[in-house]
Amino acid sequence: MTPEHQHANKDRTLDYRAIDYRAVRLAIPLSRVLERLEFHPTRSRGSNLRGHCVLCSSTKSESRASQTQPCFAADLSRDIWYCFGCHRGGDQLTLWLLATHEPL
């Protein structure tokens, strides 16, 4: 590899320590992530949503429609979520990473 190529690859390397995750969280609300993941709530009350988990229901062999109880809860006012089925939770960035297996 030529020195020019090495320098070009080095410039493309992302330093994750330099990312302002707080700013990213403010710019991308949980509601937008849920929309991109095609989450359809079965119940809502104010900023709280309940529905079938986009994580554990997609890894099981049964479809989301065959789940009897919605186990996923999201609080859009605080941008947090929790699944009582797979016992995972967090913010919108964590949900995106777990559901898509893609970094930011």
Protein backbone atom coordinates (compact mmCIF):
# COMPACT_ATOMS: atom_id res chain seq x y z
CA MET A 1 0.00 0.00 0.00
CA THR A 2 1.35 3.39 -0.94
CA PRO A 3 1.81 6.10 1.69
CA GLU A 4 -0.99 8.10 0.03
CA HIS A 5 -3.43 5.19 0.49
CA GLN A 6 -2.36 4.70 4.09
CA HIS A 7 -2.98 8.37 4.83
CA ALA A 8 -6.39 8.27 3.10
CA ASN A 9 -7.47 5.22 5.14
CA LYS A 10 -6.25 6.83 8.34
CA ASP A 11 -8.39 9.92 7.62
CA ARG A 12 -11.49 7.72 7.15
CA THR A 13 -11.05 6.03 10.53
CA LEU A 14 -13.69 7.33 12.91
CA ASP A 15 -12.65 8.20 16.43
CA TYR A 16 -15.73 7.25 18.47
CA ARG A 17 -14.35 9.17 21.46
CA ALA A 18 -14.78 12.38 19.48
CA ILE A 19 -18.52 11.86 18.93
CA ASP A 20 -20.81 13.97 21.08
CA TYR A 21 -23.38 11.27 21.88
CA ARG A 22 -25.50 13.70 23.87
CA ALA A 23 -25.91 15.88 20.78
CA VAL A 24 -26.77 12.81 18.68
CA ARG A 25 -29.41 11.73 21.20
CA LEU A 26 -30.93 15.22 21.14
CA ALA A 27 -30.94 15.29 17.33
CA ILE A 28 -32.48 11.82 16.88
CA PRO A 29 -35.43 11.17 19.20
CA LEU A 30 -36.60 7.68 20.16
CA SER A 31 -39.82 8.23 18.21
CA ARG A 32 -37.81 8.54 14.99
CA VAL A 33 -35.86 5.35 15.70
CA LEU A 34 -39.08 3.45 16.45
CA GLU A 35 -40.58 4.72 13.21
CA ARG A 36 -37.53 3.56 11.23
CA LEU A 37 -37.75 0.14 12.91
CA GLU A 38 -41.45 -0.05 11.92
CA PHE A 39 -42.65 -0.28 15.52
CA HIS A 40 -46.44 -0.14 15.79
CA PRO A 41 -47.67 0.45 19.34
CA THR A 42 -50.63 -1.54 20.55
CA ARG A 43 -51.34 0.94 23.35
CA SER A 44 -50.36 4.52 24.04
CA ARG A 45 -50.99 6.91 26.88
CA GLY A 46 -49.44 10.33 26.53
CA SER A 47 -45.78 9.86 25.70
CA ASN A 48 -45.77 6.21 26.83
CA LEU A 49 -46.08 3.45 24.24
CA ARG A 50 -46.53 -0.30 24.59
CA GLY A 51 -46.19 -2.90 21.90
CA HIS A 52 -44.39 -5.94 20.63
CA CYS A 53 -40.62 -5.79 20.94
CA VAL A 54 -38.65 -5.08 17.78
CA LEU A 55 -35.77 -7.11 19.26
CA CYS A 56 -37.03 -10.30 20.84
CA SER A 57 -40.08 -10.76 18.61
CA SER A 58 -37.90 -10.59 15.51
CA THR A 59 -35.52 -13.27 16.81
CA LYS A 60 -38.24 -15.77 17.72
CA SER A 61 -39.73 -18.10 15.17
CA GLU A 62 -43.27 -16.88 15.87
CA SER A 63 -44.51 -13.67 14.34
CA ARG A 64 -45.19 -10.49 16.28
CA ALA A 65 -48.91 -10.99 15.78
CA SER A 66 -48.83 -14.29 17.66
CA GLN A 67 -47.39 -12.72 20.81
CA THR A 68 -50.14 -12.40 23.38
CA GLN A 69 -48.80 -9.60 25.58
CA PRO A 70 -46.95 -6.52 24.42
CA CYS A 71 -43.68 -6.59 26.33
CA PHE A 72 -42.02 -3.45 24.94
CA ALA A 73 -42.43 -0.11 26.72
CA ALA A 74 -41.15 3.25 25.52
CA ASP A 75 -41.25 6.65 27.17
CA LEU A 76 -40.89 9.20 24.39
CA SER A 77 -40.61 12.14 26.80
CA ARG A 78 -37.42 10.66 28.27
CA ASP A 79 -36.21 8.80 25.14
CA ILE A 80 -35.90 5.49 26.99
CA TRP A 81 -37.27 2.00 26.36
CA TYR A 82 -37.38 -1.39 28.08
CA CYS A 83 -38.48 -4.86 27.01
CA PHE A 84 -39.89 -7.11 29.71
CA GLY A 85 -39.48 -10.11 27.39
CA CYS A 86 -35.77 -9.93 26.56
CA HIS A 87 -34.90 -7.78 29.61
CA ARG A 88 -33.04 -5.16 27.62
CA GLY A 89 -33.44 -1.42 27.63
CA GLY A 90 -31.71 1.86 27.07
CA ASP A 91 -31.84 4.89 24.85
CA GLN A 92 -32.52 5.30 21.16
CA LEU A 93 -28.89 4.69 20.15
CA THR A 94 -28.80 1.38 22.01
CA LEU A 95 -32.07 0.29 20.41
CA TRP A 96 -30.83 1.13 16.91
CA LEU A 97 -27.57 -0.76 17.46
CA LEU A 98 -29.28 -3.85 18.88
CA ALA A 99 -32.01 -3.95 16.22
CA THR A 100 -29.92 -3.24 13.14
CA HIS A 101 -26.45 -4.39 14.22
CA GLU A 102 -25.19 -1.19 12.58
CA PRO A 103 -23.14 1.52 14.27
CA LEU A 104 -24.18 5.14 14.04
